[in-house]
Amino acid sequence: MIDKTFAEHFAADWIESWNAHDLDRILAHYTDDFEMSSPCIITVAGEQSGTLRGKEAVLAYWVLALDLIPNLRIELVATLIGVNSITLYYNSVRGAAAEVFFFNPDGKIARAYAYYLKGK
């Protein structure tokens, strides 16, 4: 089970890493073979399944995404704790979003799912 201290530390570091556009620091939170699903993967990366696997594939997608949104800034609204998972609810340049992170026993993200307001 994830505790409040871990969740708060993760949320703060993840948000700070994205606001600094520090992809190496962001990727340090993930396993090498993690899986990321997002509707933006379809539009930005052209992957019709909406899912990418592994750091290399997701890094390439995030580089493209940051090129499209160079002013990306995230403001945390809430950190929600689940069983071996954390959901970050936040506001960004495109509005409200949420990401659900599923952690392995070593505290690294194995799977992540992103959600956005429809049409954003």
Protein backbone atom coordinates (compact mmCIF):
# COMPACT_ATOMS: atom_id res chain seq x y z
CA MET A 1 0.00 0.00 0.00
CA ILE A 2 1.24 3.47 -0.83
CA ASP A 3 1.44 5.85 2.11
CA LYS A 4 0.75 9.58 2.23
CA THR A 5 4.44 10.56 2.54
CA PHE A 6 5.44 8.58 -0.57
CA ALA A 7 2.47 9.97 -2.52
CA GLU A 8 3.21 13.58 -1.58
CA HIS A 9 6.92 13.24 -2.40
CA PHE A 10 6.15 11.58 -5.73
CA ALA A 11 3.56 14.21 -6.67
CA ALA A 12 5.86 17.12 -5.83
CA ASP A 13 8.82 15.66 -7.72
CA TRP A 14 6.77 14.60 -10.75
CA ILE A 15 5.16 18.06 -11.06
CA GLU A 16 8.50 19.87 -10.55
CA SER A 17 10.14 17.62 -13.15
CA TRP A 18 7.47 18.34 -15.75
CA ASN A 19 7.52 22.07 -15.03
CA ALA A 20 11.29 22.03 -15.57
CA HIS A 21 10.79 19.94 -18.74
CA ASP A 22 13.42 17.57 -17.32
CA LEU A 23 12.64 14.32 -19.14
CA ASP A 24 15.50 12.38 -17.53
CA ARG A 25 14.19 13.26 -14.07
CA ILE A 26 10.65 12.32 -15.09
CA LEU A 27 11.75 8.99 -16.57
CA ALA A 28 13.58 8.12 -13.33
CA HIS A 29 10.12 7.44 -11.82
CA TYR A 30 9.35 4.66 -14.33
CA THR A 31 10.45 1.07 -14.97
CA ASP A 32 12.36 0.48 -18.22
CA ASP A 33 9.42 -1.41 -19.73
CA PHE A 34 6.54 0.69 -18.40
CA GLU A 35 3.35 1.13 -20.36
CA MET A 36 1.76 4.54 -20.97
CA SER A 37 -1.77 5.05 -22.32
CA SER A 38 -3.16 8.43 -23.34
CA PRO A 39 -5.51 9.79 -25.98
CA CYS A 40 -2.71 12.24 -26.86
CA ILE A 41 -0.51 9.32 -27.93
CA ILE A 42 -2.95 8.80 -30.80
CA THR A 43 -2.79 12.41 -32.00
CA VAL A 44 0.85 13.24 -31.20
CA ALA A 45 2.66 9.94 -31.81
CA GLY A 46 0.23 8.47 -34.32
CA GLU A 47 -0.09 5.23 -32.35
CA GLN A 48 -3.73 4.24 -32.86
CA SER A 49 -3.85 1.99 -29.79
CA GLY A 50 -3.11 5.01 -27.58
CA THR A 51 -0.49 2.95 -25.74
CA LEU A 52 3.31 3.00 -25.82
CA ARG A 53 5.68 0.57 -24.11
CA GLY A 54 9.17 1.24 -22.79
CA LYS A 55 11.15 4.34 -21.93
CA GLU A 56 12.50 4.89 -25.45
CA ALA A 57 9.05 4.97 -27.06
CA VAL A 58 7.53 7.18 -24.38
CA LEU A 59 10.55 9.52 -24.37
CA ALA A 60 10.16 10.08 -28.13
CA TYR A 61 6.45 10.86 -27.58
CA TRP A 62 7.18 13.27 -24.71
CA VAL A 63 9.80 15.10 -26.81
CA LEU A 64 7.18 15.61 -29.53
CA ALA A 65 4.59 16.71 -26.99
CA LEU A 66 6.91 19.30 -25.42
CA ASP A 67 7.72 20.65 -28.88
CA LEU A 68 3.98 21.14 -29.43
CA ILE A 69 3.43 22.68 -25.96
CA PRO A 70 6.66 24.52 -25.09
CA ASN A 71 4.89 26.52 -22.36
CA LEU A 72 3.71 23.38 -20.52
CA ARG A 73 3.16 24.05 -16.84
CA ILE A 74 1.30 21.83 -14.39
CA GLU A 75 -0.48 22.87 -11.19
CA LEU A 76 -1.44 20.09 -8.82
CA VAL A 77 -5.05 20.06 -7.61
CA ALA A 78 -5.14 16.78 -5.67
CA THR A 79 -3.18 13.61 -4.98
CA LEU A 80 -5.35 10.52 -4.59
CA ILE A 81 -3.97 7.30 -3.11
CA GLY A 82 -5.10 3.83 -4.17
CA VAL A 83 -3.83 0.28 -3.87
CA ASN A 84 -0.30 0.42 -5.29
CA SER A 85 -1.40 3.46 -7.28
CA ILE A 86 -1.59 7.22 -7.20
CA THR A 87 -3.82 9.53 -9.21
CA LEU A 88 -2.66 13.09 -9.77
CA TYR A 89 -5.42 15.52 -10.65
CA TYR A 90 -3.98 18.70 -12.09
CA ASN A 91 -4.51 21.72 -14.31
CA SER A 92 -2.30 22.42 -17.28
CA VAL A 93 -2.26 24.72 -20.28
CA ARG A 94 -5.02 22.63 -21.88
CA GLY A 95 -7.23 22.40 -18.79
CA ALA A 96 -7.97 19.74 -16.21
CA ALA A 97 -6.26 16.35 -16.44
CA ALA A 98 -5.64 13.27 -14.34
CA GLU A 99 -2.96 10.61 -14.51
CA VAL A 100 -3.15 7.26 -12.76
CA PHE A 101 0.16 5.60 -11.91
CA PHE A 102 0.49 1.94 -10.93
CA PHE A 103 3.68 1.18 -9.00
CA ASN A 104 5.75 -2.00 -8.80
CA PRO A 105 7.11 -3.26 -5.43
CA ASP A 106 10.27 -1.13 -5.93
CA GLY A 107 8.24 2.08 -6.05
CA LYS A 108 8.65 2.60 -9.81
CA ILE A 109 5.76 3.20 -12.21
CA ALA A 110 4.92 0.13 -14.29
CA ARG A 111 1.76 1.49 -15.95
CA ALA A 112 0.28 4.95 -16.38
CA TYR A 113 -2.99 6.22 -17.83
CA ALA A 114 -3.73 9.85 -18.71
CA TYR A 115 -7.21 11.42 -18.86
CA TYR A 116 -8.25 14.80 -20.24
CA LEU A 117 -11.46 16.78 -20.59
CA LYS A 118 -13.19 15.77 -23.80
CA GLY A 119 -12.08 17.88 -26.74
CA LYS A 120 -8.90 19.17 -25.13
